[in-house]
Amino acid sequence: MEITTLRVLATVVSFLVFVGIAVWAWRNRDSSGFKEAESLPFIED
């Protein structure tokens, strides 16, 4: 394999991982864990 092929493969894999994480985060938007985490900065001791 040439270095160019490896670079293209790494770019494609990185892009697919990014899209997968974005879809996972968007799909689980109404999860109770996310709702609890978004209110953490406003909780006072």
PDB file of N, CA and C in Angstrom:
ATOM      1  N   MET A   1       0.826  -1.187   0.000  1.00  0.00           N
ATOM      2  CA  MET A   1       0.000   0.000   0.000  1.00  0.00           C
ATOM      3  C   MET A   1       0.867   1.245   0.000  1.00  0.00           C
ATOM      4  N   GLU A   2       0.441   2.201  -0.754  1.00  0.00           N
ATOM      5  CA  GLU A   2       1.170   3.466  -0.789  1.00  0.00           C
ATOM      6  C   GLU A   2       0.710   4.359   0.351  1.00  0.00           C
ATOM      7  N   ILE A   3       1.516   5.329   0.663  1.00  0.00           N
ATOM      8  CA  ILE A   3       1.207   6.257   1.757  1.00  0.00           C
ATOM      9  C   ILE A   3      -0.053   7.071   1.452  1.00  0.00           C
ATOM     10  N   THR A   4      -0.263   7.396   0.192  1.00  0.00           N
ATOM     11  CA  THR A   4      -1.450   8.163  -0.188  1.00  0.00           C
ATOM     12  C   THR A   4      -2.713   7.356   0.085  1.00  0.00           C
ATOM     13  N   THR A   5      -2.684   6.081  -0.196  1.00  0.00           N
ATOM     14  CA  THR A   5      -3.829   5.213   0.055  1.00  0.00           C
ATOM     15  C   THR A   5      -4.113   5.139   1.551  1.00  0.00           C
ATOM     16  N   LEU A   6      -3.080   5.048   2.361  1.00  0.00           N
ATOM     17  CA  LEU A   6      -3.255   5.007   3.809  1.00  0.00           C
ATOM     18  C   LEU A   6      -3.829   6.316   4.336  1.00  0.00           C
ATOM     19  N   ARG A   7      -3.386   7.430   3.779  1.00  0.00           N
ATOM     20  CA  ARG A   7      -3.907   8.733   4.199  1.00  0.00           C
ATOM     21  C   ARG A   7      -5.382   8.876   3.845  1.00  0.00           C
ATOM     22  N   VAL A   8      -5.755   8.445   2.644  1.00  0.00           N
ATOM     23  CA  VAL A   8      -7.157   8.507   2.223  1.00  0.00           C
ATOM     24  C   VAL A   8      -7.999   7.600   3.112  1.00  0.00           C
ATOM     25  N   LEU A   9      -7.522   6.413   3.394  1.00  0.00           N
ATOM     26  CA  LEU A   9      -8.239   5.482   4.255  1.00  0.00           C
ATOM     27  C   LEU A   9      -8.419   6.047   5.670  1.00  0.00           C
ATOM     28  N   ALA A  10      -7.381   6.659   6.212  1.00  0.00           N
ATOM     29  CA  ALA A  10      -7.466   7.255   7.545  1.00  0.00           C
ATOM     30  C   ALA A  10      -8.460   8.415   7.554  1.00  0.00           C
ATOM     31  N   THR A  11      -8.495   9.210   6.505  1.00  0.00           N
ATOM     32  CA  THR A  11      -9.433  10.317   6.416  1.00  0.00           C
ATOM     33  C   THR A  11     -10.872   9.817   6.357  1.00  0.00           C
ATOM     34  N   VAL A  12     -11.116   8.807   5.548  1.00  0.00           N
ATOM     35  CA  VAL A  12     -12.464   8.254   5.413  1.00  0.00           C
ATOM     36  C   VAL A  12     -12.924   7.630   6.726  1.00  0.00           C
ATOM     37  N   VAL A  13     -12.055   6.884   7.381  1.00  0.00           N
ATOM     38  CA  VAL A  13     -12.409   6.261   8.658  1.00  0.00           C
ATOM     39  C   VAL A  13     -12.683   7.332   9.714  1.00  0.00           C
ATOM     40  N   SER A  14     -11.866   8.363   9.761  1.00  0.00           N
ATOM     41  CA  SER A  14     -12.080   9.449  10.720  1.00  0.00           C
ATOM     42  C   SER A  14     -13.405  10.155  10.473  1.00  0.00           C
ATOM     43  N   PHE A  15     -13.740  10.386   9.230  1.00  0.00           N
ATOM     44  CA  PHE A  15     -15.001  11.031   8.896  1.00  0.00           C
ATOM     45  C   PHE A  15     -16.185  10.162   9.306  1.00  0.00           C
ATOM     46  N   LEU A  16     -16.100   8.863   9.064  1.00  0.00           N
ATOM     47  CA  LEU A  16     -17.178   7.961   9.434  1.00  0.00           C
ATOM     48  C   LEU A  16     -17.358   7.886  10.953  1.00  0.00           C
ATOM     49  N   VAL A  17     -16.258   7.914  11.684  1.00  0.00           N
ATOM     50  CA  VAL A  17     -16.339   7.927  13.146  1.00  0.00           C
ATOM     51  C   VAL A  17     -17.005   9.219  13.615  1.00  0.00           C
ATOM     52  N   PHE A  18     -16.631  10.339  13.033  1.00  0.00           N
ATOM     53  CA  PHE A  18     -17.234  11.620  13.386  1.00  0.00           C
ATOM     54  C   PHE A  18     -18.732  11.611  13.121  1.00  0.00           C
ATOM     55  N   VAL A  19     -19.140  11.138  11.966  1.00  0.00           N
ATOM     56  CA  VAL A  19     -20.563  11.093  11.628  1.00  0.00           C
ATOM     57  C   VAL A  19     -21.292  10.138  12.577  1.00  0.00           C
ATOM     58  N   GLY A  20     -20.677   9.027  12.905  1.00  0.00           N
ATOM     59  CA  GLY A  20     -21.292   8.090  13.838  1.00  0.00           C
ATOM     60  C   GLY A  20     -21.515   8.687  15.211  1.00  0.00           C
ATOM     61  N   ILE A  21     -20.538   9.419  15.713  1.00  0.00           N
ATOM     62  CA  ILE A  21     -20.681  10.073  17.020  1.00  0.00           C
ATOM     63  C   ILE A  21     -21.756  11.158  16.964  1.00  0.00           C
ATOM     64  N   ALA A  22     -21.794  11.921  15.888  1.00  0.00           N
ATOM     65  CA  ALA A  22     -22.802  12.971  15.755  1.00  0.00           C
ATOM     66  C   ALA A  22     -24.206  12.377  15.706  1.00  0.00           C
ATOM     67  N   VAL A  23     -24.389  11.291  14.977  1.00  0.00           N
ATOM     68  CA  VAL A  23     -25.700  10.636  14.899  1.00  0.00           C
ATOM     69  C   VAL A  23     -26.076  10.056  16.254  1.00  0.00           C
ATOM     70  N   TRP A  24     -25.131   9.448  16.939  1.00  0.00           N
ATOM     71  CA  TRP A  24     -25.408   8.882  18.254  1.00  0.00           C
ATOM     72  C   TRP A  24     -25.838   9.964  19.249  1.00  0.00           C
ATOM     73  N   ALA A  25     -25.148  11.085  19.245  1.00  0.00           N
ATOM     74  CA  ALA A  25     -25.482  12.172  20.166  1.00  0.00           C
ATOM     75  C   ALA A  25     -26.837  12.787  19.812  1.00  0.00           C
ATOM     76  N   TRP A  26     -27.141  12.938  18.549  1.00  0.00           N
ATOM     77  CA  TRP A  26     -28.403  13.531  18.138  1.00  0.00           C
ATOM     78  C   TRP A  26     -29.571  12.586  18.402  1.00  0.00           C
ATOM     79  N   ARG A  27     -29.372  11.290  18.194  1.00  0.00           N
ATOM     80  CA  ARG A  27     -30.423  10.305  18.382  1.00  0.00           C
ATOM     81  C   ARG A  27     -30.809  10.170  19.854  1.00  0.00           C
ATOM     82  N   ASN A  28     -29.852  10.286  20.746  1.00  0.00           N
ATOM     83  CA  ASN A  28     -30.108  10.149  22.168  1.00  0.00           C
ATOM     84  C   ASN A  28     -30.341  11.501  22.840  1.00  0.00           C
ATOM     85  N   ARG A  29     -30.849  12.448  22.102  1.00  0.00           N
ATOM     86  CA  ARG A  29     -31.007  13.810  22.589  1.00  0.00           C
ATOM     87  C   ARG A  29     -31.933  13.883  23.799  1.00  0.00           C
ATOM     88  N   ASP A  30     -32.983  13.071  23.859  1.00  0.00           N
ATOM     89  CA  ASP A  30     -33.933  13.169  24.959  1.00  0.00           C
ATOM     90  C   ASP A  30     -33.646  12.148  26.058  1.00  0.00           C
ATOM     91  N   SER A  31     -32.433  11.723  26.167  1.00  0.00           N
ATOM     92  CA  SER A  31     -32.043  10.774  27.200  1.00  0.00           C
ATOM     93  C   SER A  31     -32.008  11.466  28.563  1.00  0.00           C
ATOM     94  N   SER A  32     -32.386  10.754  29.598  1.00  0.00           N
ATOM     95  CA  SER A  32     -32.402  11.343  30.934  1.00  0.00           C
ATOM     96  C   SER A  32     -30.994  11.696  31.409  1.00  0.00           C
ATOM     97  N   GLY A  33     -29.992  10.949  30.978  1.00  0.00           N
ATOM     98  CA  GLY A  33     -28.614  11.263  31.352  1.00  0.00           C
ATOM     99  C   GLY A  33     -28.153  12.597  30.808  1.00  0.00           C
ATOM    100  N   PHE A  34     -28.554  12.913  29.593  1.00  0.00           N
ATOM    101  CA  PHE A  34     -28.196  14.198  29.010  1.00  0.00           C
ATOM    102  C   PHE A  34     -28.932  15.331  29.714  1.00  0.00           C
ATOM    103  N   LYS A  35     -30.180  15.100  30.086  1.00  0.00           N
ATOM    104  CA  LYS A  35     -30.947  16.145  30.773  1.00  0.00           C
ATOM    105  C   LYS A  35     -30.342  16.456  32.137  1.00  0.00           C
ATOM    106  N   GLU A  36     -29.884  15.423  32.817  1.00  0.00           N
ATOM    107  CA  GLU A  36     -29.243  15.640  34.117  1.00  0.00           C
ATOM    108  C   GLU A  36     -27.915  16.373  33.952  1.00  0.00           C
ATOM    109  N   ALA A  37     -27.148  16.013  32.939  1.00  0.00           N
ATOM    110  CA  ALA A  37     -25.839  16.625  32.729  1.00  0.00           C
ATOM    111  C   ALA A  37     -25.961  18.091  32.306  1.00  0.00           C
ATOM    112  N   GLU A  38     -27.021  18.433  31.575  1.00  0.00           N
ATOM    113  CA  GLU A  38     -27.130  19.824  31.115  1.00  0.00           C
ATOM    114  C   GLU A  38     -27.493  20.769  32.260  1.00  0.00           C
ATOM    115  N   SER A  39     -28.017  20.259  33.359  1.00  0.00           N
ATOM    116  CA  SER A  39     -28.359  21.121  34.481  1.00  0.00           C
ATOM    117  C   SER A  39     -27.270  21.186  35.545  1.00  0.00           C
ATOM    118  N   LEU A  40     -26.209  20.425  35.413  1.00  0.00           N
ATOM    119  CA  LEU A  40     -25.141  20.406  36.412  1.00  0.00           C
ATOM    120  C   LEU A  40     -24.489  21.771  36.681  1.00  0.00           C
ATOM    121  N   PRO A  41     -24.227  22.602  35.680  1.00  0.00           N
ATOM    122  CA  PRO A  41     -23.585  23.892  35.975  1.00  0.00           C
ATOM    123  C   PRO A  41     -24.441  24.828  36.842  1.00  0.00           C
ATOM    124  N   PHE A  42     -25.745  24.584  36.887  1.00  0.00           N
ATOM    125  CA  PHE A  42     -26.635  25.493  37.601  1.00  0.00           C
ATOM    126  C   PHE A  42     -26.942  25.029  39.019  1.00  0.00           C
ATOM    127  N   ILE A  43     -26.458  23.858  39.388  1.00  0.00           N
ATOM    128  CA  ILE A  43     -26.695  23.331  40.736  1.00  0.00           C
ATOM    129  C   ILE A  43     -25.664  23.925  41.691  1.00  0.00           C
ATOM    130  N   GLU A  44     -26.153  24.532  42.760  1.00  0.00           N
ATOM    131  CA  GLU A  44     -25.258  25.125  43.754  1.00  0.00           C
ATOM    132  C   GLU A  44     -25.120  24.190  44.944  1.00  0.00           C
ATOM    133  N   ASP A  45     -23.953  24.217  45.559  1.00  0.00           N
ATOM    134  CA  ASP A  45     -23.725  23.363  46.727  1.00  0.00           C
ATOM    135  C   ASP A  45     -24.418  23.913  47.941  1.00  0.00           C
TER     136      ASP A  45
END
